[in-house]
C-alpha cells in the first residue's frame, strides 16, 4: 500500500497543477476575446460592405453620366457634321462672292444707264437730226388712214380716207368751206 499512498500523495501534490479552473478561465477568456474580435470584424466588414455599396452606386451613376445620350452624336459623327458645315459655309461664301460680283456688275450697268438717261434727257433729238418734219407728218397722216392726191405742182387735190369699217371716202377741196369744216368732215369720215 505504500505505493498506492505514494501515488495518492503524488496526485494530491500534482492537483493544483492539474486544476481545470485556470484552464477553464483561460478558455472562457479566449472565447470572449475571440467573440469580441469576431464582433469587431463583423462591424468592420459591415462598414466596408456599406462603403462598397456606396462606391458601387457612385460607379453606376458615373457610368450612366459618361454614356453619350442618343441625342448627342458620336465623335466621328460630330467631325463629319463639322466638315459638312464647313463645306456648306465655303459654298455660301462662294455664292455670296458671286452675288456681290453680279451686284457690282449690275451697279456699273445702272450707273452707265443713268448717265445715258441724263444725257438723253439733256439732248434735243429734233435739233440734232435734219429731218423734214413734213415727211414725218405725212407718214403719221397715212398711218391714220388719210392718203393725199397731189397735182403736178404738189398741191393737194383730194384726200382718200380709209374708215375702220373698211370703206374708202374721197374728199375734194373744190367747195368753199373753212379749214375747220374740212377737218370735222375728214374726222367724221375717218371714224365711221
N, C-alpha and C. Protein backbone atom coordinates (compact mmCIF):
# COMPACT_ATOMS: atom_id res chain seq x y z
N UNK A 1 0.76 -1.14 0.00
CA UNK A 1 0.00 0.00 0.00
C UNK A 1 0.84 1.25 0.00
N UNK A 2 1.87 1.12 0.27
CA UNK A 2 2.78 2.23 0.33
C UNK A 2 2.91 2.87 -1.03
N UNK A 3 2.83 2.02 -1.96
CA UNK A 3 2.96 2.60 -3.30
C UNK A 3 1.69 3.33 -3.68
N UNK A 4 0.66 2.80 -3.25
CA UNK A 4 -0.61 3.43 -3.53
C UNK A 4 -0.70 4.76 -2.81
N UNK A 5 -0.23 4.78 -1.61
CA UNK A 5 -0.24 6.00 -0.84
C UNK A 5 0.67 7.01 -1.50
N UNK A 6 1.78 6.59 -1.98
CA UNK A 6 2.72 7.49 -2.66
C UNK A 6 2.05 8.04 -3.92
N UNK A 7 1.34 7.20 -4.62
CA UNK A 7 0.68 7.64 -5.85
C UNK A 7 -0.41 8.65 -5.50
N UNK A 8 -1.14 8.44 -4.39
CA UNK A 8 -2.20 9.36 -3.97
C UNK A 8 -1.57 10.68 -3.57
N UNK A 9 -0.49 10.60 -2.80
CA UNK A 9 0.19 11.83 -2.37
C UNK A 9 0.72 12.59 -3.59
N UNK A 10 1.27 11.84 -4.46
CA UNK A 10 1.82 12.46 -5.68
C UNK A 10 0.68 13.11 -6.47
N UNK A 11 -0.43 12.45 -6.54
CA UNK A 11 -1.57 13.01 -7.27
C UNK A 11 -2.11 14.22 -6.54
N UNK A 12 -2.15 14.19 -5.23
CA UNK A 12 -2.64 15.33 -4.48
C UNK A 12 -1.68 16.50 -4.62
N UNK A 13 -0.38 16.23 -4.62
CA UNK A 13 0.59 17.32 -4.79
C UNK A 13 0.51 17.88 -6.22
N UNK A 14 0.12 17.07 -7.11
CA UNK A 14 0.02 17.49 -8.52
C UNK A 14 -1.37 18.08 -8.80
N UNK A 15 -2.27 18.04 -7.91
CA UNK A 15 -3.65 18.52 -8.07
C UNK A 15 -3.71 19.98 -8.49
N UNK A 16 -2.93 20.86 -7.83
CA UNK A 16 -3.02 22.26 -8.27
C UNK A 16 -2.50 22.43 -9.69
N UNK A 17 -1.56 21.56 -10.10
CA UNK A 17 -1.03 21.67 -11.46
C UNK A 17 -2.14 21.28 -12.45
N UNK A 18 -2.92 20.29 -12.09
CA UNK A 18 -3.99 19.84 -12.99
C UNK A 18 -5.33 20.49 -12.67
N UNK A 19 -5.31 21.65 -12.06
CA UNK A 19 -6.55 22.33 -11.71
C UNK A 19 -7.19 22.86 -12.99
N UNK A 20 -8.38 22.41 -13.35
CA UNK A 20 -9.02 22.82 -14.59
C UNK A 20 -9.62 24.23 -14.51
N UNK A 21 -9.67 24.82 -13.34
CA UNK A 21 -10.30 26.13 -13.20
C UNK A 21 -9.52 27.17 -13.98
N UNK A 22 -8.19 27.16 -13.82
CA UNK A 22 -7.38 28.15 -14.56
C UNK A 22 -7.52 27.92 -16.06
N UNK A 23 -7.48 26.66 -16.45
CA UNK A 23 -7.62 26.37 -17.88
C UNK A 23 -9.01 26.79 -18.38
N UNK A 24 -10.02 26.50 -17.57
CA UNK A 24 -11.37 26.88 -17.94
C UNK A 24 -11.48 28.40 -18.08
N UNK A 25 -10.92 29.10 -17.12
CA UNK A 25 -10.95 30.57 -17.16
C UNK A 25 -10.19 31.09 -18.39
N UNK A 26 -9.06 30.44 -18.69
CA UNK A 26 -8.29 30.85 -19.89
C UNK A 26 -9.11 30.61 -21.15
N UNK A 27 -9.79 29.47 -21.20
CA UNK A 27 -10.59 29.14 -22.38
C UNK A 27 -11.76 30.12 -22.50
N UNK A 28 -12.43 30.40 -21.38
CA UNK A 28 -13.57 31.34 -21.39
C UNK A 28 -13.08 32.72 -21.82
N UNK A 29 -11.92 33.13 -21.27
CA UNK A 29 -11.35 34.44 -21.64
C UNK A 29 -11.00 34.47 -23.12
N UNK A 30 -10.41 33.36 -23.62
CA UNK A 30 -10.05 33.30 -25.04
C UNK A 30 -11.31 33.34 -25.90
N UNK A 31 -12.36 32.62 -25.48
CA UNK A 31 -13.61 32.63 -26.24
C UNK A 31 -14.24 34.02 -26.25
N UNK A 32 -14.21 34.70 -25.08
CA UNK A 32 -14.76 36.06 -25.02
C UNK A 32 -13.97 37.00 -25.93
N UNK A 33 -12.64 36.85 -25.87
CA UNK A 33 -11.79 37.70 -26.72
C UNK A 33 -12.05 37.39 -28.20
N UNK A 34 -12.21 36.10 -28.54
CA UNK A 34 -12.48 35.72 -29.92
C UNK A 34 -13.85 36.26 -30.36
N UNK A 35 -14.88 36.20 -29.48
CA UNK A 35 -16.18 36.74 -29.85
C UNK A 35 -16.11 38.25 -30.01
N UNK A 36 -15.35 38.92 -29.16
CA UNK A 36 -15.19 40.38 -29.29
C UNK A 36 -14.50 40.73 -30.60
N UNK A 37 -13.43 39.97 -30.91
CA UNK A 37 -12.71 40.20 -32.18
C UNK A 37 -13.64 39.89 -33.36
N UNK A 38 -14.42 38.80 -33.26
CA UNK A 38 -15.35 38.45 -34.34
C UNK A 38 -16.41 39.54 -34.51
N UNK A 39 -16.93 40.09 -33.38
CA UNK A 39 -17.92 41.17 -33.46
C UNK A 39 -17.31 42.41 -34.10
N UNK A 40 -16.07 42.75 -33.69
CA UNK A 40 -15.38 43.91 -34.28
C UNK A 40 -15.16 43.69 -35.78
N UNK A 41 -14.75 42.46 -36.11
CA UNK A 41 -14.54 42.15 -37.53
C UNK A 41 -15.85 42.25 -38.31
N UNK A 42 -16.94 41.75 -37.71
CA UNK A 42 -18.24 41.82 -38.39
C UNK A 42 -18.67 43.27 -38.59
N UNK A 43 -18.46 44.10 -37.53
CA UNK A 43 -18.79 45.53 -37.67
C UNK A 43 -17.96 46.17 -38.79
N UNK A 44 -16.66 45.86 -38.77
CA UNK A 44 -15.77 46.42 -39.80
C UNK A 44 -16.18 45.91 -41.18
N UNK A 45 -16.53 44.61 -41.27
CA UNK A 45 -16.96 44.04 -42.53
C UNK A 45 -18.26 44.69 -43.01
N UNK A 46 -19.21 44.91 -42.09
CA UNK A 46 -20.47 45.58 -42.45
C UNK A 46 -20.21 47.01 -42.93
N UNK A 47 -19.31 47.72 -42.25
CA UNK A 47 -18.96 49.09 -42.67
C UNK A 47 -18.31 49.07 -44.04
N UNK A 48 -17.40 48.12 -44.26
CA UNK A 48 -16.73 48.02 -45.56
C UNK A 48 -17.75 47.66 -46.65
N UNK A 49 -18.71 46.77 -46.32
CA UNK A 49 -19.73 46.38 -47.28
C UNK A 49 -20.63 47.58 -47.63
N UNK A 50 -21.01 48.36 -46.62
CA UNK A 50 -21.82 49.56 -46.86
C UNK A 50 -21.04 50.55 -47.73
N UNK A 51 -19.74 50.72 -47.44
CA UNK A 51 -18.91 51.61 -48.24
C UNK A 51 -18.79 51.09 -49.68
N UNK A 52 -18.68 49.76 -49.82
CA UNK A 52 -18.61 49.15 -51.15
C UNK A 52 -19.91 49.40 -51.92
N UNK A 53 -21.07 49.28 -51.24
CA UNK A 53 -22.35 49.55 -51.89
C UNK A 53 -22.43 51.01 -52.34
N UNK A 54 -21.95 51.91 -51.49
CA UNK A 54 -21.95 53.34 -51.84
C UNK A 54 -21.05 53.59 -53.05
N UNK A 55 -19.87 52.98 -53.06
CA UNK A 55 -18.96 53.14 -54.20
C UNK A 55 -19.54 52.53 -55.47
N UNK A 56 -20.26 51.40 -55.32
CA UNK A 56 -20.89 50.76 -56.48
C UNK A 56 -21.96 51.68 -57.07
N UNK A 57 -22.78 52.30 -56.19
CA UNK A 57 -23.79 53.24 -56.68
C UNK A 57 -23.14 54.44 -57.38
N UNK A 58 -22.05 54.95 -56.80
CA UNK A 58 -21.33 56.08 -57.41
C UNK A 58 -20.77 55.67 -58.77
N UNK A 59 -20.21 54.45 -58.84
CA UNK A 59 -19.66 53.95 -60.11
C UNK A 59 -20.76 53.83 -61.15
N UNK A 60 -21.91 53.30 -60.77
CA UNK A 60 -23.01 53.13 -61.71
C UNK A 60 -23.52 54.50 -62.19
N UNK A 61 -23.61 55.46 -61.27
CA UNK A 61 -24.03 56.82 -61.66
C UNK A 61 -23.01 57.43 -62.61
N UNK A 62 -21.72 57.19 -62.34
CA UNK A 62 -20.67 57.72 -63.22
C UNK A 62 -20.75 57.06 -64.60
N UNK A 63 -21.04 55.76 -64.64
CA UNK A 63 -21.18 55.07 -65.92
C UNK A 63 -22.34 55.65 -66.72
N UNK A 64 -23.45 55.91 -66.04
CA UNK A 64 -24.63 56.46 -66.73
C UNK A 64 -24.33 57.86 -67.27
N UNK A 65 -23.65 58.68 -66.46
CA UNK A 65 -23.36 60.05 -66.92
C UNK A 65 -22.30 60.08 -68.01
N UNK A 66 -21.42 59.10 -68.03
CA UNK A 66 -20.37 59.15 -69.06
C UNK A 66 -20.83 58.55 -70.37
N UNK A 67 -21.98 57.88 -70.38
CA UNK A 67 -22.51 57.33 -71.63
C UNK A 67 -23.13 58.48 -72.42
N UNK A 68 -22.81 58.58 -73.71
CA UNK A 68 -23.29 59.65 -74.58
C UNK A 68 -24.79 59.45 -74.82
N UNK A 69 -25.60 60.50 -74.56
CA UNK A 69 -27.04 60.36 -74.82
C UNK A 69 -27.30 60.17 -76.32
N UNK A 70 -28.44 59.59 -76.66
CA UNK A 70 -28.72 59.34 -78.08
C UNK A 70 -28.89 60.62 -78.90
N UNK A 71 -29.21 61.73 -78.23
CA UNK A 71 -29.39 62.99 -78.96
C UNK A 71 -28.06 63.63 -79.33
N UNK A 72 -26.98 63.23 -78.67
CA UNK A 72 -25.66 63.80 -78.95
C UNK A 72 -24.91 62.84 -79.87
N UNK A 73 -24.41 63.33 -81.01
CA UNK A 73 -23.73 62.44 -81.95
C UNK A 73 -22.38 61.97 -81.41
N UNK A 74 -21.91 60.89 -82.00
CA UNK A 74 -20.59 60.38 -81.61
C UNK A 74 -19.52 61.35 -82.09
N UNK A 75 -18.29 61.11 -81.65
CA UNK A 75 -17.19 62.00 -82.04
C UNK A 75 -16.99 61.98 -83.55
N UNK A 76 -17.11 60.80 -84.16
CA UNK A 76 -16.94 60.71 -85.61
C UNK A 76 -18.06 61.45 -86.34
N UNK A 77 -19.30 61.26 -85.86
CA UNK A 77 -20.44 61.95 -86.49
C UNK A 77 -20.30 63.46 -86.30
N UNK A 78 -19.79 63.87 -85.13
CA UNK A 78 -19.59 65.30 -84.88
C UNK A 78 -18.57 65.88 -85.85
N UNK A 79 -17.48 65.14 -86.08
CA UNK A 79 -16.45 65.61 -87.02
C UNK A 79 -17.04 65.69 -88.43
N UNK A 80 -17.84 64.68 -88.82
CA UNK A 80 -18.48 64.71 -90.14
C UNK A 80 -19.42 65.90 -90.27
N UNK A 81 -20.19 66.17 -89.21
CA UNK A 81 -21.09 67.32 -89.23
C UNK A 81 -20.32 68.62 -89.37
N UNK A 82 -19.22 68.75 -88.63
CA UNK A 82 -18.40 69.96 -88.74
C UNK A 82 -17.84 70.11 -90.15
N UNK A 83 -17.36 69.01 -90.73
CA UNK A 83 -16.83 69.07 -92.10
C UNK A 83 -17.92 69.47 -93.09
N UNK A 84 -19.12 68.90 -92.93
CA UNK A 84 -20.22 69.25 -93.83
C UNK A 84 -20.60 70.72 -93.68
N UNK A 85 -20.61 71.21 -92.43
CA UNK A 85 -20.94 72.62 -92.22
C UNK A 85 -19.86 73.53 -92.77
N UNK A 86 -18.59 73.13 -92.66
CA UNK A 86 -17.51 73.92 -93.26
C UNK A 86 -17.66 73.98 -94.77
N UNK A 87 -17.99 72.83 -95.38
CA UNK A 87 -18.18 72.80 -96.83
C UNK A 87 -19.37 73.68 -97.23
N UNK A 88 -20.45 73.62 -96.46
CA UNK A 88 -21.61 74.47 -96.75
C UNK A 88 -21.25 75.94 -96.59
N UNK A 89 -20.46 76.26 -95.57
CA UNK A 89 -20.03 77.65 -95.35
C UNK A 89 -19.20 78.14 -96.53
N UNK A 90 -18.30 77.29 -97.02
CA UNK A 90 -17.49 77.68 -98.18
C UNK A 90 -18.37 77.88 -99.41
N UNK A 91 -19.37 77.00 -99.58
CA UNK A 91 -20.30 77.16 -100.69
C UNK A 91 -21.08 78.46 -100.59
N UNK A 92 -21.52 78.78 -99.36
CA UNK A 92 -22.24 80.04 -99.17
C UNK A 92 -21.33 81.23 -99.46
N UNK A 93 -20.07 81.13 -99.04
CA UNK A 93 -19.14 82.23 -99.30
C UNK A 93 -18.94 82.42 -100.80
N UNK A 94 -18.84 81.29 -101.54
CA UNK A 94 -18.70 81.39 -102.99
C UNK A 94 -19.94 82.04 -103.60
N UNK A 95 -21.12 81.62 -103.13
CA UNK A 95 -22.36 82.19 -103.65
C UNK A 95 -22.45 83.68 -103.34
N UNK A 96 -22.03 84.06 -102.12
CA UNK A 96 -22.05 85.47 -101.74
C UNK A 96 -21.09 86.26 -102.61
N UNK A 97 -19.89 85.71 -102.84
CA UNK A 97 -18.92 86.41 -103.70
C UNK A 97 -19.47 86.56 -105.12
N UNK A 98 -20.10 85.49 -105.63
CA UNK A 98 -20.68 85.57 -106.98
C UNK A 98 -21.80 86.60 -107.02
N UNK A 99 -22.64 86.61 -105.98
CA UNK A 99 -23.74 87.59 -105.93
C UNK A 99 -23.20 89.01 -105.81
N UNK A 100 -22.14 89.20 -105.01
CA UNK A 100 -21.55 90.53 -104.90
C UNK A 100 -20.94 90.97 -106.23
N UNK A 101 -20.31 90.04 -106.94
CA UNK A 101 -19.77 90.36 -108.27
C UNK A 101 -20.88 90.76 -109.23
N UNK A 102 -21.97 89.98 -109.21
CA UNK A 102 -23.10 90.30 -110.08
C UNK A 102 -23.71 91.64 -109.69
N UNK A 103 -23.78 91.91 -108.38
CA UNK A 103 -24.31 93.19 -107.91
C UNK A 103 -23.44 94.34 -108.39
N UNK A 104 -22.12 94.18 -108.28
CA UNK A 104 -21.21 95.23 -108.73
C UNK A 104 -21.37 95.46 -110.24
N UNK A 105 -21.53 94.36 -110.98
CA UNK A 105 -21.73 94.48 -112.43
C UNK A 105 -23.04 95.21 -112.73
N UNK A 106 -24.12 94.83 -112.01
CA UNK A 106 -25.41 95.48 -112.23
C UNK A 106 -25.35 96.95 -111.83
N UNK A 107 -24.62 97.26 -110.75
CA UNK A 107 -24.48 98.66 -110.35
C UNK A 107 -23.73 99.46 -111.41
N UNK A 108 -22.72 98.85 -112.03
CA UNK A 108 -22.00 99.51 -113.11
C UNK A 108 -22.91 99.76 -114.30
N UNK A 109 -23.72 98.75 -114.64
CA UNK A 109 -24.68 98.91 -115.75
C UNK A 109 -25.69 100.00 -115.41
N UNK A 110 -26.17 100.00 -114.15
CA UNK A 110 -27.14 101.00 -113.72
C UNK A 110 -26.54 102.40 -113.79
N UNK A 111 -25.29 102.56 -113.35
CA UNK A 111 -24.63 103.87 -113.42
C UNK A 111 -24.49 104.31 -114.88
N UNK A 112 -24.10 103.37 -115.75
CA UNK A 112 -23.96 103.70 -117.17
C UNK A 112 -25.30 104.10 -117.76
N UNK A 113 -26.38 103.35 -117.42
CA UNK A 113 -27.70 103.67 -117.95
C UNK A 113 -28.22 105.00 -117.41
N UNK A 114 -27.92 105.29 -116.15
CA UNK A 114 -28.32 106.59 -115.59
C UNK A 114 -27.61 107.73 -116.31
N UNK A 115 -26.31 107.55 -116.55
CA UNK A 115 -25.57 108.58 -117.27
C UNK A 115 -26.14 108.74 -118.68
N UNK A 116 -26.44 107.62 -119.32
CA UNK A 116 -27.02 107.68 -120.67
C UNK A 116 -28.38 108.34 -120.65
N UNK A 117 -29.18 108.03 -119.60
CA UNK A 117 -30.52 108.63 -119.47
C UNK A 117 -30.42 110.13 -119.27
N UNK A 118 -29.49 110.56 -118.41
CA UNK A 118 -29.35 112.00 -118.19
C UNK A 118 -28.85 112.70 -119.44
N UNK A 119 -27.96 112.05 -120.21
CA UNK A 119 -27.51 112.67 -121.45
C UNK A 119 -28.63 112.71 -122.48
N UNK A 120 -29.50 111.68 -122.49
CA UNK A 120 -30.64 111.69 -123.41
C UNK A 120 -31.66 112.75 -123.02
N UNK A 121 -31.85 112.96 -121.71
CA UNK A 121 -32.77 113.99 -121.26
C UNK A 121 -32.25 115.38 -121.64
N UNK A 122 -30.95 115.54 -121.58
CA UNK A 122 -30.35 116.84 -121.89
C UNK A 122 -30.32 117.11 -123.39
N UNK A 123 -30.39 116.07 -124.20
CA UNK A 123 -30.28 116.27 -125.65
C UNK A 123 -31.65 116.58 -126.27
N UNK A 124 -31.64 117.22 -127.43
CA UNK A 124 -32.85 117.52 -128.19
C UNK A 124 -32.75 116.81 -129.53
N UNK A 125 -33.39 115.65 -129.67
CA UNK A 125 -33.22 114.87 -130.89
C UNK A 125 -33.71 115.58 -132.14
N UNK A 126 -34.72 116.43 -131.99
CA UNK A 126 -35.25 117.12 -133.18
C UNK A 126 -34.22 118.09 -133.74
N UNK A 127 -33.47 118.73 -132.85
CA UNK A 127 -32.47 119.68 -133.33
C UNK A 127 -31.23 118.97 -133.85
N UNK A 128 -30.98 117.76 -133.36
CA UNK A 128 -29.79 117.03 -133.79
C UNK A 128 -29.96 116.43 -135.18
N UNK A 129 -31.18 116.11 -135.55
CA UNK A 129 -31.42 115.50 -136.85
C UNK A 129 -32.00 116.52 -137.80
N UNK A 130 -31.58 116.46 -139.01
CA UNK A 130 -32.09 117.38 -140.02
C UNK A 130 -33.13 116.66 -140.87
N UNK A 131 -34.18 116.21 -140.21
CA UNK A 131 -35.26 115.55 -140.93
C UNK A 131 -36.32 116.58 -141.30
N UNK A 132 -36.96 116.30 -142.39
CA UNK A 132 -38.04 117.17 -142.81
C UNK A 132 -39.28 116.80 -142.01
N UNK A 133 -39.83 117.76 -141.28
CA UNK A 133 -41.00 117.50 -140.45
C UNK A 133 -42.20 117.14 -141.29
N UNK A 134 -42.27 117.64 -142.48
CA UNK A 134 -43.43 117.34 -143.33
C UNK A 134 -43.47 115.86 -143.70
N UNK A 135 -42.31 115.24 -143.87
CA UNK A 135 -42.27 113.81 -144.18
C UNK A 135 -42.83 113.01 -143.01
N UNK A 136 -42.44 113.39 -141.81
CA UNK A 136 -42.96 112.69 -140.62
C UNK A 136 -44.46 112.90 -140.50
N UNK A 137 -44.91 114.12 -140.77
CA UNK A 137 -46.34 114.40 -140.67
C UNK A 137 -47.13 113.58 -141.69
N UNK A 138 -46.61 113.48 -142.92
CA UNK A 138 -47.30 112.69 -143.94
C UNK A 138 -47.36 111.21 -143.57
N UNK A 139 -46.28 110.71 -143.02
CA UNK A 139 -46.27 109.30 -142.59
C UNK A 139 -47.29 109.08 -141.48
N UNK A 140 -47.37 110.02 -140.56
CA UNK A 140 -48.33 109.92 -139.47
C UNK A 140 -49.76 109.99 -140.01
N UNK A 141 -49.99 110.89 -140.93
CA UNK A 141 -51.33 111.03 -141.50
C UNK A 141 -51.73 109.78 -142.27
N UNK A 142 -50.81 109.19 -143.02
CA UNK A 142 -51.10 107.93 -143.74
C UNK A 142 -51.40 106.81 -142.76
N UNK A 143 -50.69 106.81 -141.63
CA UNK A 143 -50.95 105.78 -140.63
C UNK A 143 -52.34 105.91 -140.04
N UNK A 144 -52.90 107.10 -140.01
CA UNK A 144 -54.25 107.30 -139.50
C UNK A 144 -55.32 106.97 -140.54
N UNK A 145 -54.91 106.66 -141.78
CA UNK A 145 -55.88 106.27 -142.81
C UNK A 145 -56.12 107.34 -143.86
N UNK A 146 -55.37 108.42 -143.84
CA UNK A 146 -55.53 109.50 -144.82
C UNK A 146 -54.44 109.39 -145.88
N UNK A 147 -54.83 109.46 -147.18
CA UNK A 147 -53.88 109.48 -148.30
C UNK A 147 -54.20 110.72 -149.15
N UNK A 148 -53.17 111.42 -149.56
CA UNK A 148 -53.38 112.64 -150.36
C UNK A 148 -53.04 112.38 -151.82
N UNK A 149 -53.79 113.04 -152.69
CA UNK A 149 -53.53 113.00 -154.13
C UNK A 149 -53.17 114.44 -154.52
N UNK A 150 -51.97 114.61 -155.10
CA UNK A 150 -51.48 115.95 -155.43
C UNK A 150 -51.42 116.15 -156.95
N UNK A 151 -51.37 117.40 -157.36
CA UNK A 151 -51.21 117.70 -158.79
C UNK A 151 -49.74 117.84 -159.12
N UNK A 152 -49.44 118.34 -160.32
CA UNK A 152 -48.05 118.46 -160.76
C UNK A 152 -47.27 119.44 -159.90
N UNK A 153 -47.92 120.39 -159.36
CA UNK A 153 -47.24 121.42 -158.56
C UNK A 153 -47.10 121.02 -157.09
N UNK A 154 -47.66 119.88 -156.68
CA UNK A 154 -47.56 119.41 -155.30
C UNK A 154 -48.70 119.88 -154.42
N UNK A 155 -49.72 120.46 -155.04
CA UNK A 155 -50.88 120.90 -154.26
C UNK A 155 -51.83 119.73 -154.06
N UNK A 156 -52.44 119.65 -152.92
CA UNK A 156 -53.37 118.56 -152.59
C UNK A 156 -54.67 118.81 -153.33
N UNK A 157 -55.08 117.84 -154.18
CA UNK A 157 -56.32 117.94 -154.94
C UNK A 157 -57.47 117.24 -154.20
N UNK A 158 -57.16 116.08 -153.63
CA UNK A 158 -58.19 115.37 -152.87
C UNK A 158 -57.53 114.48 -151.81
N UNK A 159 -58.34 114.03 -150.88
CA UNK A 159 -57.87 113.17 -149.78
C UNK A 159 -58.71 111.91 -149.79
N UNK A 160 -58.02 110.75 -149.76
CA UNK A 160 -58.70 109.46 -149.65
C UNK A 160 -58.66 109.04 -148.18
N UNK A 161 -59.82 108.65 -147.67
CA UNK A 161 -59.94 108.32 -146.24
C UNK A 161 -60.36 106.86 -146.12
N UNK A 162 -59.59 106.07 -145.35
CA UNK A 162 -59.94 104.67 -145.07
C UNK A 162 -60.55 104.63 -143.66
N UNK A 163 -61.81 104.30 -143.59
CA UNK A 163 -62.50 104.22 -142.30
C UNK A 163 -62.22 102.86 -141.67
N UNK A 164 -62.38 102.74 -140.35
CA UNK A 164 -62.18 101.45 -139.68
C UNK A 164 -63.14 100.38 -140.19
N UNK A 165 -64.27 100.78 -140.75
CA UNK A 165 -65.23 99.80 -141.28
C UNK A 165 -64.77 99.22 -142.61
N UNK A 166 -63.71 99.81 -143.21
CA UNK A 166 -63.20 99.31 -144.48
C UNK A 166 -63.62 100.16 -145.66
N UNK A 167 -64.52 101.12 -145.48
CA UNK A 167 -64.97 101.99 -146.56
C UNK A 167 -63.87 103.00 -146.89
N UNK A 168 -63.81 103.40 -148.18
CA UNK A 168 -62.86 104.42 -148.63
C UNK A 168 -63.68 105.61 -149.13
N UNK A 169 -63.41 106.80 -148.58
CA UNK A 169 -64.11 108.04 -148.95
C UNK A 169 -63.12 108.96 -149.65
N UNK A 170 -63.63 109.72 -150.59
CA UNK A 170 -62.81 110.69 -151.32
C UNK A 170 -63.38 112.09 -151.09
N UNK A 171 -62.52 113.02 -150.69
CA UNK A 171 -62.94 114.41 -150.44
C UNK A 171 -62.10 115.31 -151.33
N UNK A 172 -62.76 116.18 -152.08
CA UNK A 172 -62.05 117.19 -152.88
C UNK A 172 -62.21 118.53 -152.20
N UNK A 173 -61.30 119.42 -152.48
CA UNK A 173 -61.30 120.72 -151.84
C UNK A 173 -61.79 121.82 -152.80
N UNK A 174 -62.85 121.52 -153.58
CA UNK A 174 -63.38 122.48 -154.55
C UNK A 174 -64.37 123.44 -153.90
N UNK A 175 -65.06 123.00 -152.89
CA UNK A 175 -66.12 123.78 -152.28
C UNK A 175 -65.52 124.86 -151.39
N UNK A 176 -66.33 125.86 -151.14
CA UNK A 176 -65.87 126.93 -150.26
C UNK A 176 -66.26 126.60 -148.82
N UNK A 177 -65.43 125.86 -148.16
CA UNK A 177 -65.63 125.51 -146.75
C UNK A 177 -64.41 125.99 -145.99
N UNK A 178 -64.63 126.23 -144.75
CA UNK A 178 -63.48 126.65 -143.93
C UNK A 178 -62.62 125.43 -143.59
N UNK A 179 -61.39 125.71 -143.15
CA UNK A 179 -60.49 124.61 -142.76
C UNK A 179 -61.08 123.78 -141.62
N UNK A 180 -61.81 124.45 -140.74
CA UNK A 180 -62.41 123.74 -139.61
C UNK A 180 -63.50 122.80 -140.10
N UNK A 181 -64.29 123.21 -141.05
CA UNK A 181 -65.35 122.35 -141.59
C UNK A 181 -64.75 121.15 -142.32
N UNK A 182 -63.67 121.38 -143.08
CA UNK A 182 -62.99 120.26 -143.74
C UNK A 182 -62.40 119.29 -142.70
N UNK A 183 -61.81 119.84 -141.65
CA UNK A 183 -61.22 118.99 -140.61
C UNK A 183 -62.29 118.13 -139.94
N UNK A 184 -63.44 118.74 -139.61
CA UNK A 184 -64.53 117.98 -138.99
C UNK A 184 -65.06 116.91 -139.93
N UNK A 185 -65.18 117.25 -141.22
CA UNK A 185 -65.66 116.28 -142.20
C UNK A 185 -64.70 115.10 -142.32
N UNK A 186 -63.39 115.41 -142.41
CA UNK A 186 -62.39 114.34 -142.52
C UNK A 186 -62.42 113.42 -141.29
N UNK A 187 -62.50 113.99 -140.11
CA UNK A 187 -62.50 113.17 -138.89
C UNK A 187 -63.78 112.36 -138.77
N UNK A 188 -64.90 112.91 -139.16
CA UNK A 188 -66.16 112.16 -139.12
C UNK A 188 -66.11 110.95 -140.04
N UNK A 189 -65.55 111.15 -141.25
CA UNK A 189 -65.46 110.04 -142.20
C UNK A 189 -64.42 109.00 -141.73
N UNK A 190 -63.35 109.46 -141.11
CA UNK A 190 -62.30 108.54 -140.65
C UNK A 190 -62.77 107.69 -139.48
N UNK A 191 -63.72 108.21 -138.70
CA UNK A 191 -64.18 107.46 -137.53
C UNK A 191 -65.44 106.67 -137.80
N UNK A 192 -65.98 106.70 -139.03
CA UNK A 192 -67.22 105.98 -139.33
C UNK A 192 -66.96 104.55 -139.69
